[in-house]
Amino acid sequence: MTTLAERNRNTALKAALFVLFMVGVAFASVPLYRIFCQVTGFGGTPLRAEAAPGAVAGQVGIRFDANINPALPWEFKPQQTVIKIHPGKRETINYLAHNLTARTTTGRAIFNVSPAKAGQYFNKIECFCFTEQTLRPGQRVEMPVVFFVDPKIREDESTRDIDEITLSYTFFPVEKAGQPS
């Protein structure tokens, strides 16, 4: 027969293990959700691809949007705001970034596609958003995005009438060891 002290110790141990488990789930939820979105295209997240399948007839407009978190002292904009493309054809566009400070800064871009249902058909081959970007004081850079829209977008009843897709980026600061904030 267990004593009251042993039962209390077991209950406390179980509660502590549950709290540790929940903290672990909380930390893992963001990366797991990001992986889920990248694999499925859920929430307008573009898919990552190795190569484009080849152009098909018809066109779709692509609008490019750029935003900066106010804590990141950069200028950021697309070289072109709208283009027309053929689904399946590999395309490249550039965004321009400029560090407006006299110190090195690092940023990370998050992206989204709208309408959200088009996200599963928007495939990136190369993108500055796959890694952090570090700019030296006053540095200006061109950052390419290589992508295609899967021709299957025209076969899906829910997306066949989409005539424009918006690719939107927002840059956020990344604090690095040794970088002043």
N, C-alpha and C. Protein backbone atom coordinates (compact mmCIF):
# COMPACT_ATOMS: atom_id res chain seq x y z
N MET A 1 0.84 -1.17 0.00
CA MET A 1 0.00 0.00 0.00
C MET A 1 0.90 1.25 0.00
N THR A 2 0.57 2.21 -0.86
CA THR A 2 1.39 3.42 -0.95
C THR A 2 0.91 4.45 0.05
N THR A 3 1.85 5.22 0.51
CA THR A 3 1.53 6.26 1.48
C THR A 3 1.07 7.51 0.75
N LEU A 4 0.49 8.40 1.51
CA LEU A 4 0.02 9.67 0.94
C LEU A 4 1.20 10.44 0.33
N ALA A 5 2.34 10.43 0.95
CA ALA A 5 3.52 11.13 0.44
C ALA A 5 3.97 10.55 -0.90
N GLU A 6 3.93 9.21 -1.04
CA GLU A 6 4.31 8.58 -2.31
C GLU A 6 3.32 8.93 -3.42
N ARG A 7 2.04 8.93 -3.09
CA ARG A 7 1.02 9.30 -4.09
C ARG A 7 1.19 10.75 -4.52
N ASN A 8 1.45 11.62 -3.57
CA ASN A 8 1.68 13.04 -3.89
C ASN A 8 2.93 13.21 -4.76
N ARG A 9 4.00 12.49 -4.44
CA ARG A 9 5.22 12.54 -5.24
C ARG A 9 4.96 12.04 -6.66
N ASN A 10 4.22 10.95 -6.80
CA ASN A 10 3.87 10.42 -8.13
C ASN A 10 3.03 11.41 -8.91
N THR A 11 2.06 12.02 -8.25
CA THR A 11 1.21 13.01 -8.91
C THR A 11 2.04 14.22 -9.35
N ALA A 12 2.93 14.69 -8.48
CA ALA A 12 3.79 15.82 -8.82
C ALA A 12 4.71 15.48 -9.99
N LEU A 13 5.26 14.26 -10.00
CA LEU A 13 6.12 13.83 -11.09
C LEU A 13 5.36 13.78 -12.41
N LYS A 14 4.15 13.23 -12.38
CA LYS A 14 3.32 13.17 -13.59
C LYS A 14 2.97 14.57 -14.08
N ALA A 15 2.65 15.46 -13.16
CA ALA A 15 2.31 16.85 -13.54
C ALA A 15 3.53 17.54 -14.15
N ALA A 16 4.70 17.33 -13.56
CA ALA A 16 5.92 17.93 -14.10
C ALA A 16 6.24 17.39 -15.49
N LEU A 17 6.09 16.08 -15.68
CA LEU A 17 6.32 15.49 -17.00
C LEU A 17 5.33 16.03 -18.01
N PHE A 18 4.08 16.21 -17.61
CA PHE A 18 3.07 16.76 -18.51
C PHE A 18 3.43 18.20 -18.91
N VAL A 19 3.88 19.01 -17.95
CA VAL A 19 4.29 20.38 -18.25
C VAL A 19 5.46 20.39 -19.21
N LEU A 20 6.46 19.54 -18.99
CA LEU A 20 7.61 19.45 -19.91
C LEU A 20 7.17 19.03 -21.31
N PHE A 21 6.26 18.07 -21.37
CA PHE A 21 5.73 17.63 -22.66
C PHE A 21 5.04 18.78 -23.38
N MET A 22 4.20 19.54 -22.67
CA MET A 22 3.48 20.65 -23.29
C MET A 22 4.42 21.76 -23.75
N VAL A 23 5.48 22.03 -22.99
CA VAL A 23 6.47 23.02 -23.40
C VAL A 23 7.16 22.54 -24.68
N GLY A 24 7.50 21.26 -24.73
CA GLY A 24 8.11 20.70 -25.94
C GLY A 24 7.20 20.81 -27.14
N VAL A 25 5.91 20.53 -26.95
CA VAL A 25 4.94 20.64 -28.04
C VAL A 25 4.84 22.09 -28.50
N ALA A 26 4.84 23.04 -27.56
CA ALA A 26 4.75 24.46 -27.92
C ALA A 26 5.95 24.88 -28.77
N PHE A 27 7.16 24.46 -28.40
CA PHE A 27 8.33 24.83 -29.18
C PHE A 27 8.36 24.13 -30.54
N ALA A 28 7.86 22.93 -30.62
CA ALA A 28 7.89 22.17 -31.87
C ALA A 28 6.77 22.56 -32.82
N SER A 29 5.72 23.21 -32.33
CA SER A 29 4.55 23.47 -33.16
C SER A 29 4.85 24.39 -34.34
N VAL A 30 5.65 25.43 -34.16
CA VAL A 30 5.94 26.35 -35.26
C VAL A 30 6.71 25.66 -36.37
N PRO A 31 7.85 24.99 -36.09
CA PRO A 31 8.55 24.31 -37.19
C PRO A 31 7.72 23.20 -37.83
N LEU A 32 6.95 22.48 -37.03
CA LEU A 32 6.11 21.42 -37.60
C LEU A 32 5.03 22.00 -38.49
N TYR A 33 4.43 23.11 -38.08
CA TYR A 33 3.40 23.75 -38.91
C TYR A 33 4.02 24.27 -40.20
N ARG A 34 5.23 24.87 -40.12
CA ARG A 34 5.91 25.37 -41.31
C ARG A 34 6.19 24.23 -42.30
N ILE A 35 6.65 23.09 -41.77
CA ILE A 35 6.92 21.93 -42.63
C ILE A 35 5.62 21.44 -43.26
N PHE A 36 4.56 21.35 -42.47
CA PHE A 36 3.25 20.93 -43.00
C PHE A 36 2.81 21.85 -44.13
N CYS A 37 2.93 23.16 -43.93
CA CYS A 37 2.51 24.11 -44.96
C CYS A 37 3.36 24.00 -46.22
N GLN A 38 4.68 23.80 -46.05
CA GLN A 38 5.55 23.70 -47.21
C GLN A 38 5.29 22.42 -48.00
N VAL A 39 4.92 21.35 -47.32
CA VAL A 39 4.67 20.08 -47.99
C VAL A 39 3.32 20.09 -48.71
N THR A 40 2.32 20.72 -48.09
CA THR A 40 0.96 20.66 -48.64
C THR A 40 0.54 21.89 -49.41
N GLY A 41 1.26 23.01 -49.25
CA GLY A 41 0.81 24.26 -49.86
C GLY A 41 -0.31 24.91 -49.06
N PHE A 42 -0.58 24.41 -47.86
CA PHE A 42 -1.66 24.92 -47.01
C PHE A 42 -1.40 26.38 -46.67
N GLY A 43 -2.47 27.16 -46.61
CA GLY A 43 -2.36 28.55 -46.19
C GLY A 43 -1.63 29.43 -47.18
N GLY A 44 -1.57 29.03 -48.43
CA GLY A 44 -0.92 29.85 -49.44
C GLY A 44 0.58 29.72 -49.46
N THR A 45 1.12 28.72 -48.80
CA THR A 45 2.56 28.52 -48.77
C THR A 45 3.01 27.87 -50.08
N PRO A 46 3.90 28.53 -50.83
CA PRO A 46 4.38 27.94 -52.07
C PRO A 46 5.18 26.67 -51.81
N LEU A 47 5.15 25.78 -52.75
CA LEU A 47 5.91 24.53 -52.65
C LEU A 47 7.31 24.75 -53.20
N ARG A 48 8.24 23.94 -52.76
CA ARG A 48 9.62 24.01 -53.25
C ARG A 48 9.80 22.93 -54.30
N ALA A 49 10.42 23.28 -55.42
CA ALA A 49 10.55 22.35 -56.54
C ALA A 49 12.00 22.34 -57.05
N GLU A 50 12.32 21.32 -57.81
CA GLU A 50 13.65 21.20 -58.42
C GLU A 50 13.69 21.79 -59.82
N ALA A 51 12.60 21.61 -60.60
CA ALA A 51 12.59 22.07 -61.98
C ALA A 51 11.15 22.32 -62.42
N ALA A 52 11.00 23.15 -63.43
CA ALA A 52 9.68 23.45 -63.99
C ALA A 52 9.33 22.40 -65.04
N PRO A 53 8.03 22.07 -65.18
CA PRO A 53 7.64 21.02 -66.13
C PRO A 53 7.61 21.46 -67.59
N GLY A 54 7.57 22.74 -67.87
CA GLY A 54 7.48 23.23 -69.24
C GLY A 54 6.17 23.98 -69.44
N ALA A 55 6.24 25.02 -70.26
CA ALA A 55 5.10 25.92 -70.44
C ALA A 55 3.92 25.26 -71.13
N VAL A 56 2.74 25.73 -70.76
CA VAL A 56 1.50 25.33 -71.42
C VAL A 56 0.80 26.60 -71.88
N ALA A 57 -0.24 26.42 -72.68
CA ALA A 57 -0.97 27.57 -73.22
C ALA A 57 -1.68 28.32 -72.09
N GLY A 58 -1.92 29.60 -72.33
CA GLY A 58 -2.62 30.43 -71.37
C GLY A 58 -1.64 31.20 -70.51
N GLN A 59 -2.15 32.21 -69.84
CA GLN A 59 -1.31 33.03 -69.00
C GLN A 59 -1.99 33.29 -67.66
N VAL A 60 -1.15 33.61 -66.69
CA VAL A 60 -1.63 34.03 -65.38
C VAL A 60 -0.74 35.20 -64.95
N GLY A 61 -1.35 36.19 -64.33
CA GLY A 61 -0.59 37.32 -63.84
C GLY A 61 -0.01 37.01 -62.46
N ILE A 62 1.21 37.48 -62.23
CA ILE A 62 1.83 37.33 -60.92
C ILE A 62 2.16 38.74 -60.42
N ARG A 63 1.64 39.05 -59.25
CA ARG A 63 1.89 40.35 -58.60
C ARG A 63 2.89 40.11 -57.47
N PHE A 64 3.87 40.99 -57.35
CA PHE A 64 4.91 40.86 -56.34
C PHE A 64 4.78 41.98 -55.32
N ASP A 65 4.82 41.60 -54.06
CA ASP A 65 4.62 42.53 -52.95
C ASP A 65 5.81 42.41 -52.00
N ALA A 66 6.21 43.53 -51.39
CA ALA A 66 7.35 43.53 -50.47
C ALA A 66 7.01 44.38 -49.24
N ASN A 67 7.31 43.82 -48.07
CA ASN A 67 7.06 44.51 -46.81
C ASN A 67 8.26 44.32 -45.90
N ILE A 68 8.44 45.26 -44.97
CA ILE A 68 9.54 45.21 -44.01
C ILE A 68 8.95 45.43 -42.62
N ASN A 69 9.37 44.59 -41.68
CA ASN A 69 9.04 44.84 -40.28
C ASN A 69 9.75 46.13 -39.88
N PRO A 70 9.08 47.04 -39.18
CA PRO A 70 9.71 48.32 -38.82
C PRO A 70 11.02 48.20 -38.04
N ALA A 71 11.26 47.06 -37.40
CA ALA A 71 12.50 46.89 -36.63
C ALA A 71 13.70 46.58 -37.53
N LEU A 72 13.48 46.34 -38.82
CA LEU A 72 14.58 46.05 -39.74
C LEU A 72 14.81 47.27 -40.62
N PRO A 73 15.96 47.92 -40.49
CA PRO A 73 16.22 49.17 -41.22
C PRO A 73 16.67 48.94 -42.66
N TRP A 74 15.82 48.34 -43.44
CA TRP A 74 16.11 48.07 -44.84
C TRP A 74 15.07 48.71 -45.73
N GLU A 75 15.46 48.89 -46.98
CA GLU A 75 14.52 49.18 -48.06
C GLU A 75 14.42 47.89 -48.84
N PHE A 76 13.20 47.50 -49.23
CA PHE A 76 12.99 46.21 -49.89
C PHE A 76 11.85 46.35 -50.87
N LYS A 77 12.09 45.98 -52.14
CA LYS A 77 11.03 46.10 -53.14
C LYS A 77 11.31 45.18 -54.32
N PRO A 78 10.25 44.80 -55.06
CA PRO A 78 10.47 44.00 -56.27
C PRO A 78 10.92 44.90 -57.41
N GLN A 79 11.72 44.34 -58.34
CA GLN A 79 12.10 45.11 -59.53
C GLN A 79 10.89 45.30 -60.44
N GLN A 80 10.01 44.31 -60.47
CA GLN A 80 8.78 44.38 -61.25
C GLN A 80 7.63 44.09 -60.29
N THR A 81 6.52 44.79 -60.46
CA THR A 81 5.40 44.53 -59.56
C THR A 81 4.40 43.55 -60.15
N VAL A 82 4.32 43.44 -61.49
CA VAL A 82 3.38 42.51 -62.12
C VAL A 82 4.01 41.97 -63.40
N ILE A 83 3.87 40.65 -63.61
CA ILE A 83 4.27 40.04 -64.87
C ILE A 83 3.19 39.05 -65.28
N LYS A 84 3.18 38.69 -66.55
CA LYS A 84 2.31 37.63 -67.07
C LYS A 84 3.21 36.45 -67.42
N ILE A 85 2.77 35.25 -67.00
CA ILE A 85 3.58 34.06 -67.27
C ILE A 85 2.70 32.95 -67.83
N HIS A 86 3.35 31.97 -68.45
CA HIS A 86 2.68 30.76 -68.88
C HIS A 86 2.87 29.71 -67.79
N PRO A 87 1.79 29.09 -67.31
CA PRO A 87 1.96 28.03 -66.31
C PRO A 87 2.93 26.96 -66.83
N GLY A 88 3.79 26.50 -65.93
CA GLY A 88 4.76 25.47 -66.26
C GLY A 88 6.11 26.00 -66.70
N LYS A 89 6.18 27.30 -67.05
CA LYS A 89 7.45 27.88 -67.51
C LYS A 89 8.22 28.45 -66.33
N ARG A 90 9.51 28.14 -66.30
CA ARG A 90 10.41 28.66 -65.26
C ARG A 90 10.58 30.16 -65.46
N GLU A 91 10.42 30.92 -64.37
CA GLU A 91 10.55 32.37 -64.41
C GLU A 91 11.50 32.83 -63.32
N THR A 92 12.15 33.97 -63.55
CA THR A 92 13.02 34.57 -62.55
C THR A 92 12.68 36.05 -62.42
N ILE A 93 12.51 36.49 -61.19
CA ILE A 93 12.35 37.92 -60.93
C ILE A 93 13.31 38.26 -59.79
N ASN A 94 13.59 39.54 -59.63
CA ASN A 94 14.50 39.98 -58.58
C ASN A 94 13.82 40.97 -57.64
N TYR A 95 14.15 40.83 -56.38
CA TYR A 95 13.81 41.83 -55.39
C TYR A 95 15.09 42.59 -55.06
N LEU A 96 14.95 43.85 -54.69
CA LEU A 96 16.09 44.67 -54.32
C LEU A 96 16.03 44.95 -52.83
N ALA A 97 17.17 44.80 -52.15
CA ALA A 97 17.25 45.11 -50.73
C ALA A 97 18.42 46.06 -50.51
N HIS A 98 18.23 46.97 -49.55
CA HIS A 98 19.26 47.97 -49.24
C HIS A 98 19.29 48.15 -47.73
N ASN A 99 20.46 47.92 -47.13
CA ASN A 99 20.65 48.15 -45.70
C ASN A 99 20.85 49.65 -45.51
N LEU A 100 19.96 50.30 -44.79
CA LEU A 100 20.00 51.75 -44.61
C LEU A 100 20.86 52.20 -43.43
N THR A 101 21.52 51.27 -42.76
CA THR A 101 22.29 51.61 -41.57
C THR A 101 23.78 51.51 -41.80
N ALA A 102 24.53 51.94 -40.79
CA ALA A 102 25.99 51.85 -40.82
C ALA A 102 26.48 50.62 -40.05
N ARG A 103 25.62 49.61 -39.95
CA ARG A 103 26.00 48.37 -39.27
C ARG A 103 25.45 47.19 -40.07
N THR A 104 26.06 46.05 -39.88
CA THR A 104 25.61 44.82 -40.53
C THR A 104 24.30 44.38 -39.89
N THR A 105 23.33 44.02 -40.72
CA THR A 105 22.04 43.55 -40.21
C THR A 105 21.63 42.29 -40.97
N THR A 106 20.85 41.46 -40.29
CA THR A 106 20.40 40.20 -40.88
C THR A 106 18.89 40.14 -40.82
N GLY A 107 18.30 39.67 -41.91
CA GLY A 107 16.85 39.53 -41.97
C GLY A 107 16.45 38.17 -42.52
N ARG A 108 15.21 37.83 -42.25
CA ARG A 108 14.64 36.57 -42.77
C ARG A 108 13.28 36.92 -43.35
N ALA A 109 13.03 36.45 -44.57
CA ALA A 109 11.76 36.73 -45.23
C ALA A 109 10.79 35.57 -45.02
N ILE A 110 9.57 35.94 -44.71
CA ILE A 110 8.49 34.95 -44.75
C ILE A 110 7.65 35.32 -45.97
N PHE A 111 6.96 34.35 -46.51
CA PHE A 111 6.25 34.58 -47.76
C PHE A 111 4.85 34.00 -47.68
N ASN A 112 4.04 34.47 -48.59
CA ASN A 112 2.68 33.97 -48.70
C ASN A 112 2.21 34.16 -50.13
N VAL A 113 1.28 33.32 -50.51
CA VAL A 113 0.67 33.42 -51.83
C VAL A 113 -0.83 33.62 -51.64
N SER A 114 -1.39 34.52 -52.40
CA SER A 114 -2.84 34.67 -52.38
C SER A 114 -3.34 34.76 -53.82
N PRO A 115 -4.51 34.20 -54.08
CA PRO A 115 -5.37 33.54 -53.13
C PRO A 115 -4.72 32.26 -52.59
N ALA A 116 -5.08 31.92 -51.35
CA ALA A 116 -4.45 30.80 -50.65
C ALA A 116 -4.56 29.50 -51.42
N LYS A 117 -5.67 29.30 -52.13
CA LYS A 117 -5.85 28.04 -52.86
C LYS A 117 -4.86 27.89 -54.02
N ALA A 118 -4.22 28.98 -54.42
CA ALA A 118 -3.21 28.91 -55.49
C ALA A 118 -1.84 28.50 -54.95
N GLY A 119 -1.66 28.56 -53.63
CA GLY A 119 -0.36 28.26 -53.02
C GLY A 119 0.17 26.89 -53.37
N GLN A 120 -0.71 25.91 -53.47
CA GLN A 120 -0.25 24.55 -53.77
C GLN A 120 0.27 24.41 -55.20
N TYR A 121 0.00 25.40 -56.05
CA TYR A 121 0.46 25.35 -57.44
C TYR A 121 1.63 26.29 -57.70
N PHE A 122 2.00 27.09 -56.71
CA PHE A 122 3.11 28.03 -56.85
C PHE A 122 4.36 27.35 -56.31
N ASN A 123 5.32 27.07 -57.18
CA ASN A 123 6.52 26.32 -56.81
C ASN A 123 7.77 27.18 -56.95
N LYS A 124 8.59 27.20 -55.91
CA LYS A 124 9.85 27.93 -55.94
C LYS A 124 11.00 26.95 -56.14
N ILE A 125 11.89 27.30 -57.05
CA ILE A 125 13.09 26.52 -57.30
C ILE A 125 14.24 27.11 -56.51
N GLU A 126 14.31 28.44 -56.49
CA GLU A 126 15.35 29.16 -55.75
C GLU A 126 14.72 30.41 -55.16
N CYS A 127 15.10 30.73 -53.91
CA CYS A 127 14.52 31.92 -53.29
C CYS A 127 15.39 32.40 -52.14
N PHE A 128 15.51 33.70 -52.02
CA PHE A 128 16.23 34.29 -50.89
C PHE A 128 15.54 33.98 -49.57
N CYS A 129 14.28 33.59 -49.63
CA CYS A 129 13.52 33.29 -48.42
C CYS A 129 13.89 31.94 -47.82
N PHE A 130 14.67 31.14 -48.51
CA PHE A 130 15.06 29.84 -47.98
C PHE A 130 16.13 29.98 -46.88
N THR A 131 16.83 31.12 -46.84
CA THR A 131 17.89 31.33 -45.85
C THR A 131 17.83 32.76 -45.32
N GLU A 132 18.56 33.00 -44.23
CA GLU A 132 18.70 34.35 -43.70
C GLU A 132 19.57 35.17 -44.65
N GLN A 133 19.31 36.47 -44.70
CA GLN A 133 20.09 37.37 -45.55
C GLN A 133 20.81 38.38 -44.67
N THR A 134 22.11 38.51 -44.85
CA THR A 134 22.91 39.47 -44.08
C THR A 134 23.45 40.52 -45.04
N LEU A 135 23.20 41.78 -44.70
CA LEU A 135 23.68 42.89 -45.52
C LEU A 135 24.65 43.73 -44.70
N ARG A 136 25.77 44.07 -45.34
CA ARG A 136 26.77 44.94 -44.72
C ARG A 136 26.23 46.38 -44.69
N PRO A 137 26.88 47.27 -43.96
CA PRO A 137 26.43 48.66 -43.91
C PRO A 137 26.28 49.26 -45.30
N GLY A 138 25.11 49.78 -45.60
CA GLY A 138 24.84 50.44 -46.88
C GLY A 138 24.75 49.51 -48.08
N GLN A 139 24.90 48.22 -47.91
CA GLN A 139 24.92 47.29 -49.03
C GLN A 139 23.57 47.22 -49.73
N ARG A 140 23.63 47.14 -51.08
CA ARG A 140 22.45 46.93 -51.93
C ARG A 140 22.64 45.59 -52.63
N VAL A 141 21.59 44.78 -52.68
CA VAL A 141 21.68 43.49 -53.35
C VAL A 141 20.42 43.21 -54.15
N GLU A 142 20.62 42.42 -55.20
CA GLU A 142 19.49 41.84 -55.94
C GLU A 142 19.29 40.43 -55.41
N MET A 143 18.05 40.09 -55.10
CA MET A 143 17.75 38.76 -54.58
C MET A 143 16.76 38.09 -55.52
N PRO A 144 17.20 37.04 -56.21
CA PRO A 144 16.33 36.37 -57.18
C PRO A 144 15.33 35.41 -56.56
N VAL A 145 14.22 35.26 -57.26
CA VAL A 145 13.23 34.23 -56.98
C VAL A 145 13.02 33.49 -58.29
N VAL A 146 13.29 32.20 -58.30
CA VAL A 146 13.08 31.37 -59.48
C VAL A 146 11.88 30.48 -59.17
N PHE A 147 10.87 30.53 -60.02
CA PHE A 147 9.62 29.85 -59.71
C PHE A 147 8.88 29.43 -60.98
N PHE A 148 7.82 28.66 -60.79
CA PHE A 148 6.86 28.38 -61.84
C PHE A 148 5.52 28.11 -61.19
N VAL A 149 4.48 28.25 -61.99
CA VAL A 149 3.13 27.89 -61.55
C VAL A 149 2.79 26.58 -62.22
N ASP A 150 2.45 25.59 -61.41
CA ASP A 150 2.13 24.26 -61.92
C ASP A 150 0.95 24.34 -62.89
N PRO A 151 1.07 23.77 -64.09
CA PRO A 151 -0.03 23.80 -65.06
C PRO A 151 -1.31 23.16 -64.53
N LYS A 152 -1.21 22.32 -63.51
CA LYS A 152 -2.40 21.69 -62.93
C LYS A 152 -3.35 22.71 -62.32
N ILE A 153 -2.89 23.97 -62.16
CA ILE A 153 -3.77 25.01 -61.63
C ILE A 153 -5.00 25.18 -62.53
N ARG A 154 -4.84 24.89 -63.82
CA ARG A 154 -5.96 25.03 -64.77
C ARG A 154 -6.88 23.82 -64.78
N GLU A 155 -6.45 22.71 -64.17
CA GLU A 155 -7.27 21.49 -64.13
C GLU A 155 -8.13 21.43 -62.87
N ASP A 156 -7.77 22.16 -61.84
CA ASP A 156 -8.48 22.17 -60.56
C ASP A 156 -9.67 23.13 -60.66
N GLU A 157 -10.87 22.61 -60.38
CA GLU A 157 -12.08 23.45 -60.47
C GLU A 157 -12.00 24.68 -59.60
N SER A 158 -11.35 24.57 -58.44
CA SER A 158 -11.32 25.69 -57.51
C SER A 158 -10.28 26.76 -57.90
N THR A 159 -9.39 26.45 -58.86
CA THR A 159 -8.35 27.41 -59.23
C THR A 159 -8.30 27.74 -60.71
N ARG A 160 -9.07 27.06 -61.53
CA ARG A 160 -8.92 27.26 -62.98
C ARG A 160 -9.26 28.67 -63.45
N ASP A 161 -10.04 29.41 -62.66
CA ASP A 161 -10.41 30.77 -63.06
C ASP A 161 -9.53 31.85 -62.44
N ILE A 162 -8.49 31.45 -61.73
CA ILE A 162 -7.59 32.45 -61.14
C ILE A 162 -6.78 33.09 -62.25
N ASP A 163 -6.86 34.42 -62.33
CA ASP A 163 -6.09 35.10 -63.38
C ASP A 163 -4.93 35.92 -62.82
N GLU A 164 -4.85 36.02 -61.47
CA GLU A 164 -3.71 36.71 -60.87
C GLU A 164 -3.39 36.10 -59.50
N ILE A 165 -2.09 35.91 -59.27
CA ILE A 165 -1.59 35.38 -58.01
C ILE A 165 -0.65 36.43 -57.43
N THR A 166 -0.74 36.65 -56.13
CA THR A 166 0.16 37.59 -55.46
C THR A 166 1.16 36.82 -54.61
N LEU A 167 2.44 37.11 -54.83
CA LEU A 167 3.52 36.57 -54.02
C LEU A 167 3.99 37.71 -53.12
N SER A 168 3.82 37.53 -51.82
CA SER A 168 4.12 38.59 -50.86
C SER A 168 5.22 38.14 -49.90
N TYR A 169 6.18 39.02 -49.66
CA TYR A 169 7.26 38.77 -48.71
C TYR A 169 7.25 39.83 -47.63
N THR A 170 7.57 39.41 -46.41
CA THR A 170 7.81 40.34 -45.32
C THR A 170 9.13 39.95 -44.68
N PHE A 171 10.06 40.93 -44.60
CA PHE A 171 11.35 40.70 -43.96
C PHE A 171 11.28 41.09 -42.49
N PHE A 172 11.83 40.22 -41.63
CA PHE A 172 11.90 40.45 -40.20
C PHE A 172 13.36 40.42 -39.78
N PRO A 173 13.73 41.18 -38.73
CA PRO A 173 15.12 41.15 -38.27
C PRO A 173 15.44 39.83 -37.59
N VAL A 174 16.70 39.42 -37.74
CA VAL A 174 17.23 38.24 -37.05
C VAL A 174 18.40 38.74 -36.22
N GLU A 175 18.33 38.54 -34.93
CA GLU A 175 19.43 38.95 -34.06
C GLU A 175 20.53 37.90 -34.11
N LYS A 176 21.73 38.33 -34.38
CA LYS A 176 22.89 37.44 -34.42
C LYS A 176 23.81 37.78 -33.26
N ALA A 177 24.50 36.78 -32.73
CA ALA A 177 25.49 37.02 -31.67
C ALA A 177 26.55 37.97 -32.21
N GLY A 178 26.86 39.00 -31.45
CA GLY A 178 27.87 39.95 -31.88
C GLY A 178 27.32 41.10 -32.70
N GLN A 179 26.05 41.03 -33.12
CA GLN A 179 25.43 42.14 -33.84
C GLN A 179 24.71 43.01 -32.82
N PRO A 180 24.94 44.31 -32.84
CA PRO A 180 24.16 45.16 -31.95
C PRO A 180 22.72 45.19 -32.39
N SER A 181 21.81 45.28 -31.43
CA SER A 181 20.40 45.31 -31.79
C SER A 181 19.89 46.70 -31.97
